[in-house]
Protein backbone atom coordinates (compact mmCIF):
# COMPACT_ATOMS: atom_id res chain seq x y z
CA TYR A 1 39.31 -9.12 -81.45
CA ILE A 2 40.69 -7.62 -78.27
CA CYS A 3 42.15 -4.11 -78.46
CA SER A 4 45.60 -3.81 -76.93
CA ALA A 5 45.20 -0.12 -76.06
CA PHE A 6 42.56 2.60 -76.03
CA ASN A 7 42.99 6.20 -77.07
CA PHE A 8 39.90 7.83 -75.68
CA PHE A 9 38.34 11.26 -75.46
CA PHE A 10 35.22 12.62 -73.85
CA LYS A 11 33.01 15.57 -74.72
CA LYS A 12 31.27 17.54 -72.00
CA ASN A 13 27.57 16.72 -71.75
CA THR A 14 25.82 17.10 -68.44
CA SER A 15 23.08 14.63 -69.33
CA MET A 16 25.65 11.93 -70.19
CA ARG A 17 23.72 11.32 -73.42
CA PHE A 18 26.61 11.58 -75.83
CA LEU A 19 25.27 13.02 -79.07
CA PHE A 20 27.81 11.42 -81.30
CA ALA A 21 28.42 7.94 -82.64
CA ILE A 22 31.56 5.94 -82.12
CA LEU A 23 32.41 3.39 -84.76
CA ILE A 24 35.16 1.03 -83.63
CA LEU A 25 37.14 -0.49 -86.49
CA LEU A 26 39.50 -3.33 -85.60
CA THR A 27 41.99 -3.75 -88.41
CA LEU A 28 45.54 -4.85 -88.96
CA GLN A 29 46.35 -1.32 -90.04
CA SER A 30 47.33 1.52 -87.75
CA ALA A 31 44.24 3.09 -86.20
CA GLU A 32 45.98 6.45 -86.14
CA SER A 33 45.99 6.58 -89.94
CA GLN A 34 42.17 6.34 -89.91
CA ASN A 35 41.47 9.34 -87.65
CA VAL A 36 39.01 11.80 -89.19
CA ASN A 37 37.86 14.95 -87.35
CA VAL A 38 39.21 13.60 -84.05
CA ALA A 39 41.54 15.61 -81.83
CA PHE A 40 44.05 13.54 -79.83
CA ASN A 41 44.30 14.65 -76.20
CA SER A 42 46.14 12.01 -74.21
CA LYS A 43 46.74 8.33 -73.67
CA LEU A 44 47.08 5.89 -70.79
CA THR A 45 48.88 2.58 -71.18
CA PHE A 46 48.22 -0.40 -68.91
CA SER A 47 51.14 -2.82 -68.77
CA ASN A 48 50.55 -6.48 -69.58
CA GLN A 49 46.78 -6.05 -69.95
CA ASN A 50 44.58 -6.22 -73.01
CA LEU A 51 41.56 -3.91 -73.03
CA ALA A 52 38.20 -5.06 -74.36
CA ASN A 53 35.55 -2.44 -73.60
CA ILE A 54 35.00 1.06 -72.25
CA TRP A 55 32.09 2.92 -70.69
CA GLY A 56 31.60 6.28 -68.99
CA TYR A 57 30.19 7.68 -65.75
CA ALA A 58 29.74 11.26 -64.52
CA ASP A 59 28.79 12.69 -61.13
CA GLY A 60 29.27 16.01 -59.36
CA GLY A 61 31.10 17.57 -62.27
CA GLN A 62 33.59 14.72 -62.47
CA GLU A 63 33.86 12.38 -65.46
CA TYR A 64 35.23 8.85 -65.41
CA ALA A 65 36.21 6.22 -67.94
CA LEU A 66 35.36 2.67 -66.88
CA VAL A 67 37.85 0.48 -68.70
CA GLY A 68 37.37 -3.27 -69.18
CA ALA A 69 40.91 -4.55 -68.66
CA LYS A 70 42.20 -8.11 -68.46
CA ASN A 71 42.61 -8.12 -64.67
CA GLY A 72 39.52 -6.10 -63.76
CA MET A 73 37.75 -2.81 -64.40
CA ILE A 74 40.00 0.26 -64.25
CA ILE A 75 38.45 3.57 -63.16
CA VAL A 76 40.11 6.61 -64.75
CA ASP A 77 39.32 10.24 -63.93
CA VAL A 78 39.02 11.98 -67.33
CA THR A 79 37.55 15.26 -66.10
CA ASP A 80 40.61 16.90 -67.61
CA PRO A 81 41.08 14.89 -70.83
CA ASN A 82 44.65 16.14 -71.15
CA THR A 83 45.73 14.58 -67.86
CA PRO A 84 43.70 11.39 -67.19
CA GLN A 85 44.41 9.81 -63.82
CA GLN A 86 43.90 6.17 -62.87
CA ILE A 87 41.99 5.91 -59.60
CA VAL A 88 41.81 2.17 -58.98
CA GLN A 89 41.53 -1.22 -60.64
CA ILE A 90 38.72 -3.37 -59.28
CA PRO A 91 40.18 -6.90 -59.28
CA GLY A 92 38.49 -9.55 -61.38
CA ILE A 93 39.28 -13.01 -62.68
CA SER A 94 41.84 -12.60 -65.45
CA ASN A 95 40.20 -12.67 -68.89
CA ASN A 96 40.63 -10.83 -72.18
CA TRP A 97 36.94 -9.92 -72.36
CA ARG A 98 35.25 -7.65 -69.84
CA GLU A 99 32.19 -5.48 -70.54
CA ILE A 100 30.65 -2.69 -68.44
CA LYS A 101 27.38 -0.76 -68.26
CA THR A 102 25.99 1.59 -65.58
CA TYR A 103 22.65 2.11 -63.87
CA SER A 104 22.16 4.83 -61.26
CA HIS A 105 25.51 4.99 -59.44
CA TYR A 106 26.42 1.35 -60.03
CA ALA A 107 28.68 -0.29 -62.61
CA TYR A 108 27.77 -3.79 -63.79
CA ILE A 109 30.54 -5.98 -65.16
CA VAL A 110 30.57 -9.32 -66.94
CA SER A 111 33.47 -11.39 -68.20
CA GLU A 112 33.96 -14.64 -70.04
CA ALA A 113 36.07 -15.93 -67.13
CA ILE A 114 34.30 -18.89 -65.53
CA GLY A 115 33.29 -17.92 -62.01
CA SER A 116 33.17 -14.18 -62.68
CA LYS A 117 29.33 -14.07 -62.40
CA ILE A 118 28.01 -10.45 -62.19
CA GLN A 119 30.32 -7.93 -60.54
CA ILE A 120 28.73 -4.72 -59.22
CA VAL A 121 30.69 -1.63 -58.15
CA ASP A 122 29.19 1.26 -56.17
CA LEU A 123 30.52 4.43 -57.80
CA SER A 124 28.83 6.88 -55.43
CA ASP A 125 31.98 7.61 -53.41
CA LEU A 126 34.25 8.42 -56.35
CA PRO A 127 36.94 9.71 -56.54
CA ASP A 128 37.59 7.69 -53.38
CA PRO A 129 39.91 4.85 -54.50
CA ASN A 130 38.12 2.26 -52.35
CA PRO A 131 34.61 1.80 -53.78
CA ASP A 132 32.39 -0.98 -52.46
CA TYR A 133 31.94 -3.92 -54.82
CA HIS A 134 30.80 -7.53 -54.78
CA THR A 135 30.01 -10.45 -57.06
CA VAL A 136 26.52 -11.98 -57.30
CA ASP A 137 24.57 -14.48 -59.38
CA GLY A 138 21.18 -12.88 -58.76
CA GLY A 139 19.65 -16.19 -57.77
CA SER A 140 20.64 -17.85 -61.05
CA SER A 141 23.49 -20.20 -61.90
CA ILE A 142 25.33 -17.69 -64.06
CA THR A 143 29.11 -18.08 -64.01
CA LYS A 144 30.14 -15.86 -66.94
CA GLY A 145 28.81 -13.52 -69.64
CA HIS A 146 30.00 -12.05 -72.91
CA ALA A 147 28.06 -8.77 -72.98
CA LEU A 148 25.31 -6.86 -71.18
CA HIS A 149 22.88 -4.00 -71.57
CA ILE A 150 20.54 -2.20 -69.16
CA ASP A 151 17.02 -0.99 -69.83
CA GLU A 152 17.37 2.20 -67.80
CA ILE A 153 13.70 3.12 -68.26
CA LYS A 154 12.33 -0.12 -66.84
CA GLY A 155 15.26 -1.05 -64.59
CA TYR A 156 16.30 -4.46 -65.95
CA LEU A 157 19.72 -5.92 -66.65
CA TYR A 158 20.18 -8.14 -69.72
CA ILE A 159 23.21 -10.45 -70.00
CA TYR A 160 24.17 -12.10 -73.28
CA GLY A 161 26.37 -15.06 -74.17
CA SER A 162 26.45 -16.50 -70.66
CA ASN A 163 26.71 -20.14 -69.61
CA LEU A 164 22.91 -20.30 -69.19
CA ASN A 165 20.36 -21.49 -71.76
CA ASN A 166 22.89 -21.75 -74.59
CA GLY A 167 23.80 -18.07 -74.36
CA ARG A 168 20.30 -16.66 -74.69
CA ALA A 169 19.48 -13.30 -73.09
CA GLN A 170 19.19 -13.52 -69.28
CA VAL A 171 17.04 -10.97 -67.45
CA TYR A 172 17.62 -9.51 -63.94
CA ASN A 173 15.44 -7.04 -62.02
CA LEU A 174 17.24 -3.97 -60.61
CA ASN A 175 14.23 -2.10 -59.26
CA ALA A 176 14.08 -3.33 -55.66
CA ASP A 177 17.83 -3.27 -54.99
CA PRO A 178 20.25 -2.38 -57.83
CA TYR A 179 23.18 -3.65 -55.75
CA ASN A 180 21.53 -7.09 -55.52
CA PRO A 181 19.73 -7.94 -58.79
CA THR A 182 17.19 -10.77 -58.87
CA TYR A 183 16.85 -13.28 -61.70
CA VAL A 184 13.67 -13.06 -63.77
CA GLY A 185 14.29 -15.57 -66.56
CA PHE A 186 15.58 -15.82 -70.12
CA VAL A 187 14.43 -15.02 -73.64
CA ASN A 188 13.70 -18.24 -75.51
CA HIS A 189 13.72 -16.89 -79.07
CA ILE A 190 16.09 -17.89 -81.91
CA GLY A 191 19.10 -18.80 -79.74
CA TYR A 192 22.49 -17.43 -78.69
CA VAL A 193 22.69 -13.64 -78.36
CA HIS A 194 26.10 -11.99 -78.78
CA ASP A 195 25.03 -8.48 -77.78
CA GLY A 196 21.96 -6.28 -77.86
CA TYR A 197 20.19 -3.05 -76.99
CA VAL A 198 17.15 -2.75 -74.70
CA SER A 199 15.02 0.28 -73.86
CA ASN A 200 11.49 0.63 -72.55
CA ASP A 201 10.87 -3.13 -72.76
CA MET A 202 11.96 -3.42 -76.41
CA MET A 203 14.99 -5.62 -77.10
CA TYR A 204 17.04 -5.55 -80.29
CA SER A 205 19.14 -8.70 -80.03
CA ALA A 206 22.09 -9.66 -82.25
CA HIS A 207 21.97 -13.41 -82.97
CA ILE A 208 25.43 -13.64 -84.45
CA TYR A 209 25.39 -17.33 -85.41
CA ALA A 210 21.87 -17.21 -86.82
CA GLY A 211 22.82 -14.15 -88.89
CA GLN A 212 19.79 -12.25 -87.66
CA VAL A 213 18.73 -9.33 -85.52
CA ALA A 214 15.44 -9.76 -83.65
CA VAL A 215 13.03 -7.22 -82.19
CA ILE A 216 11.38 -8.60 -79.05
CA ASN A 217 8.72 -7.08 -76.79
CA MET A 218 9.88 -7.68 -73.20
CA ALA A 219 6.84 -6.24 -71.38
CA ASN A 220 5.96 -9.76 -70.21
CA LYS A 221 9.31 -10.97 -68.90
CA THR A 222 8.12 -14.57 -68.52
CA ASN A 223 6.68 -14.71 -72.05
CA PRO A 224 8.45 -12.23 -74.39
CA THR A 225 6.95 -11.67 -77.84
CA LEU A 226 9.03 -11.93 -81.01
CA LEU A 227 7.92 -9.05 -83.25
CA GLY A 228 10.26 -9.34 -86.21
CA THR A 229 13.68 -10.35 -87.54
CA VAL A 230 16.06 -9.25 -90.27
CA ASN A 231 19.20 -10.80 -91.74
CA THR A 232 22.21 -8.48 -91.81
CA PRO A 233 24.35 -8.05 -94.98
CA ASN A 234 27.11 -10.40 -93.81
CA ASN A 235 24.87 -12.63 -91.67
CA PHE A 236 27.09 -12.23 -88.59
CA PRO A 237 25.67 -9.36 -86.48
CA HIS A 238 27.82 -8.46 -83.49
CA ASN A 239 25.77 -5.71 -81.87
CA THR A 240 22.88 -3.28 -82.24
CA TRP A 241 22.12 0.27 -81.14
CA LEU A 242 18.97 2.35 -81.47
CA SER A 243 18.43 6.02 -82.32
CA GLY A 244 14.74 6.91 -82.46
CA SER A 245 13.20 4.41 -84.86
CA THR A 246 16.55 3.69 -86.55
CA MET A 247 18.54 0.59 -85.58
CA PHE A 248 22.23 0.28 -86.40
CA THR A 249 23.98 -3.08 -86.68
CA THR A 250 27.51 -4.31 -87.24
CA ASP A 251 28.78 -7.54 -88.80
CA GLU A 252 31.92 -8.92 -87.21
CA VAL A 253 33.59 -10.25 -90.35
CA SER A 254 36.14 -8.93 -92.85
CA ASN A 255 34.88 -6.27 -95.27
CA SER A 256 31.71 -5.92 -93.24
CA TYR A 257 29.05 -3.23 -93.16
CA LEU A 258 27.61 -0.77 -90.73
CA THR A 259 23.92 -0.97 -91.61
CA SER A 260 20.88 1.07 -90.61
CA TYR A 261 17.24 -0.06 -90.51
CA ASN A 262 13.84 1.48 -89.95
CA VAL A 263 12.30 -0.52 -87.10
CA ALA A 264 9.22 1.65 -86.55
CA VAL A 265 7.16 -1.36 -87.64
CA PRO A 266 9.05 -4.38 -86.22
CA SER A 267 7.10 -6.83 -88.37
CA ASN A 268 8.36 -5.00 -91.46
CA ILE A 269 11.99 -4.00 -90.80
CA THR A 270 13.42 -2.13 -93.78
CA GLU A 271 17.06 -1.39 -94.59
CA LEU A 272 17.87 2.31 -94.92
CA ASP A 273 21.57 2.31 -95.81
CA ARG A 274 24.85 0.46 -95.42
CA ILE A 275 28.47 1.58 -95.54
CA GLN A 276 31.94 0.08 -95.71
CA ILE A 277 34.55 2.49 -94.39
CA THR A 278 37.53 1.02 -96.25
CA PRO A 279 36.22 -1.45 -98.88
CA GLY A 280 38.63 -4.26 -99.72
CA SER A 281 40.93 -3.64 -96.75
CA GLY A 282 39.55 -6.48 -94.64
CA SER A 283 38.47 -4.08 -91.89
CA ILE A 284 35.88 -5.32 -89.41
CA VAL A 285 33.03 -3.12 -88.16
CA HIS A 286 32.87 -4.31 -84.57
CA ASN A 287 30.64 -2.11 -82.44
CA THR A 288 28.26 0.85 -82.63
CA TYR A 289 27.39 3.35 -79.92
CA ILE A 290 25.29 6.52 -80.06
């Protein structure tokens, strides 16, 4: 399910809290035919590289796209969305999956390439094309990861689908030195986690093979508490995202649903609504972001 190209646009928002949702549909049909209320500005093409993920970073009035490409993260200046400019590609072990999140002025990168570990890039000197970066394991034996999320309130990095503990969520502390995270432990509930959302010590983990989403209290990192679970409509949840007390999930199968839940009471998760964008087309709802 790797995208071969990204058409991206950014809206100005000084707080970098984008107040819109992006629903990524990976289908065999042309994506351009599905555009609704979206204005096309520009496009960059990267030769001989698949793209898997994208994130954003802003500082000093400049805006950047952080693009997860096959051969490493590409930093693109998108301050003027009509004329995006590639600044640099941070080299990484070649792999079709690469995911990125930011904390403070650092980008954290994981890949499914064995030996990729956790790559950290210091973005503070952008648009300088020579940012500092290094690769660490945080004191663990991590060699790869499928996805990651950062609890920006508490300062912890969560890595999912790694080589450790059968792909359960791995936890790293960023508070003392964000450039050199330290391993805290893992979440021993349910099993493999494909992706997830964490904020203020509450984790909403997508257990894709178990067909469930779990809500877990992470206040005690060495003994997390499972508060509740829910099965998604297609029993194959790829990711989660939270907005207030509403959790959104996606199922990574054909004819799947984007589903919303009330998680105000984690022991009693209730479905609010579900939607198929193009019923019967075989489209896959892959990822949510708010």
